[in-house]
């Protein structure tokens, strides 16, 4: 892990150590297994959103093409 990334993680951990009603953090990743365990410990909920099935992907693609 690069020193820069370690610095970002340390700053995040230092600033999110206490629960707050004033702030909400949402993290999104395709690689949850690569997140630092201390970062995951700060999250109250984990929500997995699976990839859409082929028919849904096809419908989404058609929508985007028709908009263009």
N, C-alpha and C. Protein backbone atom coordinates (compact mmCIF):
# COMPACT_ATOMS: atom_id res chain seq x y z
N UNK A 1 0.85 -1.17 0.00
CA UNK A 1 0.00 0.00 0.00
C UNK A 1 0.89 1.24 0.00
N UNK A 2 0.54 2.18 -0.84
CA UNK A 2 1.35 3.39 -0.97
C UNK A 2 1.23 4.25 0.29
N UNK A 3 2.25 5.04 0.59
CA UNK A 3 2.18 5.95 1.74
C UNK A 3 1.01 6.93 1.62
N UNK A 4 0.71 7.36 0.41
CA UNK A 4 -0.39 8.30 0.21
C UNK A 4 -1.73 7.67 0.58
N UNK A 5 -1.94 6.43 0.11
CA UNK A 5 -3.19 5.73 0.42
C UNK A 5 -3.30 5.47 1.92
N UNK A 6 -2.21 5.06 2.54
CA UNK A 6 -2.21 4.83 3.98
C UNK A 6 -2.56 6.11 4.72
N UNK A 7 -2.06 7.25 4.24
CA UNK A 7 -2.36 8.54 4.86
C UNK A 7 -3.85 8.87 4.75
N UNK A 8 -4.43 8.61 3.58
CA UNK A 8 -5.87 8.86 3.38
C UNK A 8 -6.69 7.98 4.33
N UNK A 9 -6.33 6.71 4.42
CA UNK A 9 -7.06 5.80 5.29
C UNK A 9 -6.93 6.23 6.74
N UNK A 10 -5.75 6.59 7.17
CA UNK A 10 -5.54 7.03 8.55
C UNK A 10 -6.35 8.29 8.86
N UNK A 11 -6.40 9.23 7.92
CA UNK A 11 -7.19 10.44 8.11
C UNK A 11 -8.67 10.10 8.22
N UNK A 12 -9.16 9.24 7.33
CA UNK A 12 -10.55 8.81 7.38
C UNK A 12 -10.86 8.17 8.73
N UNK A 13 -10.01 7.27 9.18
CA UNK A 13 -10.24 6.58 10.44
C UNK A 13 -10.23 7.55 11.62
N UNK A 14 -9.33 8.51 11.59
CA UNK A 14 -9.24 9.48 12.68
C UNK A 14 -10.48 10.36 12.75
N UNK A 15 -11.04 10.69 11.61
CA UNK A 15 -12.19 11.60 11.58
C UNK A 15 -13.53 10.89 11.70
N UNK A 16 -13.55 9.58 11.64
CA UNK A 16 -14.81 8.84 11.73
C UNK A 16 -14.84 7.92 12.94
N UNK A 17 -14.05 8.20 13.93
CA UNK A 17 -13.98 7.33 15.10
C UNK A 17 -15.20 7.38 15.99
N UNK A 18 -15.94 8.47 15.97
CA UNK A 18 -17.10 8.64 16.83
C UNK A 18 -18.38 8.69 16.01
N UNK A 19 -19.46 8.05 16.46
CA UNK A 19 -20.74 8.16 15.73
C UNK A 19 -21.22 9.61 15.73
N UNK A 20 -21.90 10.00 14.67
CA UNK A 20 -22.38 11.38 14.54
C UNK A 20 -23.76 11.39 13.90
N UNK A 21 -24.63 12.25 14.43
CA UNK A 21 -25.94 12.48 13.82
C UNK A 21 -25.88 13.58 12.78
N UNK A 22 -24.74 14.24 12.67
CA UNK A 22 -24.59 15.38 11.76
C UNK A 22 -24.02 14.98 10.40
N UNK A 23 -23.49 13.79 10.30
CA UNK A 23 -22.81 13.41 9.07
C UNK A 23 -23.14 11.95 8.73
N UNK A 24 -23.25 11.70 7.44
CA UNK A 24 -23.48 10.34 6.96
C UNK A 24 -22.49 10.07 5.84
N UNK A 25 -21.87 8.91 5.87
CA UNK A 25 -20.88 8.54 4.86
C UNK A 25 -21.39 7.33 4.11
N UNK A 26 -21.33 7.41 2.79
CA UNK A 26 -21.71 6.29 1.94
C UNK A 26 -20.48 5.91 1.12
N UNK A 27 -20.07 4.68 1.22
CA UNK A 27 -18.95 4.17 0.43
C UNK A 27 -19.50 3.23 -0.63
N UNK A 28 -18.92 3.30 -1.81
CA UNK A 28 -19.31 2.39 -2.89
C UNK A 28 -18.04 1.80 -3.50
N UNK A 29 -18.05 0.50 -3.71
CA UNK A 29 -16.89 -0.16 -4.29
C UNK A 29 -17.30 -1.45 -5.00
N UNK A 30 -16.52 -1.82 -5.97
CA UNK A 30 -16.68 -3.12 -6.61
C UNK A 30 -15.75 -4.15 -5.97
N UNK A 31 -14.90 -3.70 -5.06
CA UNK A 31 -13.89 -4.58 -4.46
C UNK A 31 -13.94 -4.48 -2.93
N UNK A 32 -15.05 -4.85 -2.33
CA UNK A 32 -15.20 -4.72 -0.88
C UNK A 32 -14.13 -5.52 -0.13
N UNK A 33 -13.68 -6.61 -0.72
CA UNK A 33 -12.66 -7.44 -0.07
C UNK A 33 -11.30 -6.74 0.01
N UNK A 34 -11.13 -5.66 -0.73
CA UNK A 34 -9.86 -4.93 -0.68
C UNK A 34 -9.90 -3.74 0.28
N UNK A 35 -11.05 -3.48 0.89
CA UNK A 35 -11.13 -2.38 1.85
C UNK A 35 -10.42 -2.76 3.14
N UNK A 36 -9.80 -1.79 3.75
CA UNK A 36 -9.15 -1.98 5.03
C UNK A 36 -10.21 -2.42 6.06
N UNK A 37 -9.90 -3.40 6.88
CA UNK A 37 -10.88 -3.91 7.84
C UNK A 37 -11.33 -2.83 8.82
N UNK A 38 -10.44 -1.89 9.15
CA UNK A 38 -10.82 -0.80 10.05
C UNK A 38 -11.85 0.12 9.40
N UNK A 39 -11.78 0.28 8.09
CA UNK A 39 -12.78 1.08 7.37
C UNK A 39 -14.12 0.35 7.43
N UNK A 40 -14.13 -0.94 7.17
CA UNK A 40 -15.37 -1.71 7.24
C UNK A 40 -15.98 -1.68 8.63
N UNK A 41 -15.15 -1.67 9.66
CA UNK A 41 -15.65 -1.62 11.03
C UNK A 41 -16.41 -0.33 11.31
N UNK A 42 -16.13 0.73 10.56
CA UNK A 42 -16.81 2.02 10.75
C UNK A 42 -18.20 2.04 10.11
N UNK A 43 -18.48 1.08 9.25
CA UNK A 43 -19.75 1.07 8.53
C UNK A 43 -20.81 0.30 9.34
N UNK A 44 -21.97 0.92 9.52
CA UNK A 44 -23.06 0.27 10.26
C UNK A 44 -23.77 -0.78 9.42
N UNK A 45 -23.87 -0.54 8.12
CA UNK A 45 -24.60 -1.45 7.24
C UNK A 45 -23.80 -1.68 5.96
N UNK A 46 -23.90 -2.89 5.44
CA UNK A 46 -23.34 -3.21 4.14
C UNK A 46 -24.50 -3.66 3.25
N UNK A 47 -24.58 -3.11 2.08
CA UNK A 47 -25.65 -3.45 1.14
C UNK A 47 -25.02 -3.87 -0.17
N UNK A 48 -25.25 -5.12 -0.55
CA UNK A 48 -24.72 -5.61 -1.82
C UNK A 48 -25.79 -5.47 -2.89
N UNK A 49 -25.43 -4.83 -3.98
CA UNK A 49 -26.33 -4.67 -5.12
C UNK A 49 -25.74 -5.49 -6.26
N UNK A 50 -26.35 -6.62 -6.57
CA UNK A 50 -25.79 -7.49 -7.62
C UNK A 50 -25.99 -6.88 -9.01
N UNK A 51 -25.21 -7.39 -9.95
CA UNK A 51 -25.37 -6.96 -11.34
C UNK A 51 -26.74 -7.36 -11.85
N UNK A 52 -27.34 -6.53 -12.70
CA UNK A 52 -28.62 -6.91 -13.28
C UNK A 52 -28.46 -8.12 -14.21
N UNK A 53 -29.52 -8.86 -14.37
CA UNK A 53 -29.52 -9.99 -15.30
C UNK A 53 -29.52 -9.45 -16.74
N UNK A 54 -29.29 -10.34 -17.69
CA UNK A 54 -29.16 -9.92 -19.09
C UNK A 54 -30.35 -9.11 -19.59
N UNK A 55 -31.60 -9.52 -19.36
CA UNK A 55 -32.73 -8.72 -19.88
C UNK A 55 -32.74 -7.28 -19.33
N UNK A 56 -32.39 -7.12 -18.07
CA UNK A 56 -32.35 -5.78 -17.49
C UNK A 56 -31.21 -4.96 -18.09
N UNK A 57 -30.05 -5.59 -18.29
CA UNK A 57 -28.93 -4.88 -18.91
C UNK A 57 -29.26 -4.47 -20.33
N UNK A 58 -29.94 -5.35 -21.06
CA UNK A 58 -30.33 -5.04 -22.43
C UNK A 58 -31.30 -3.85 -22.46
N UNK A 59 -32.27 -3.85 -21.54
CA UNK A 59 -33.23 -2.75 -21.48
C UNK A 59 -32.54 -1.43 -21.12
N UNK A 60 -31.58 -1.47 -20.20
CA UNK A 60 -30.84 -0.27 -19.83
C UNK A 60 -30.04 0.26 -21.01
N UNK A 61 -29.39 -0.63 -21.73
CA UNK A 61 -28.60 -0.23 -22.89
C UNK A 61 -29.48 0.41 -23.95
N UNK A 62 -30.64 -0.17 -24.19
CA UNK A 62 -31.57 0.40 -25.16
C UNK A 62 -32.01 1.80 -24.74
N UNK A 63 -32.26 1.99 -23.45
CA UNK A 63 -32.64 3.32 -22.95
C UNK A 63 -31.54 4.33 -23.23
N UNK A 64 -30.30 3.98 -22.93
CA UNK A 64 -29.18 4.89 -23.15
C UNK A 64 -29.00 5.20 -24.63
N UNK A 65 -29.16 4.20 -25.47
CA UNK A 65 -29.00 4.41 -26.92
C UNK A 65 -30.09 5.34 -27.44
N UNK A 66 -31.32 5.14 -26.98
CA UNK A 66 -32.43 5.98 -27.45
C UNK A 66 -32.30 7.42 -26.98
N UNK A 67 -31.65 7.65 -25.85
CA UNK A 67 -31.45 9.02 -25.35
C UNK A 67 -30.44 9.78 -26.20
N UNK A 68 -29.46 9.06 -26.74
CA UNK A 68 -28.35 9.68 -27.45
C UNK A 68 -28.74 10.22 -28.74
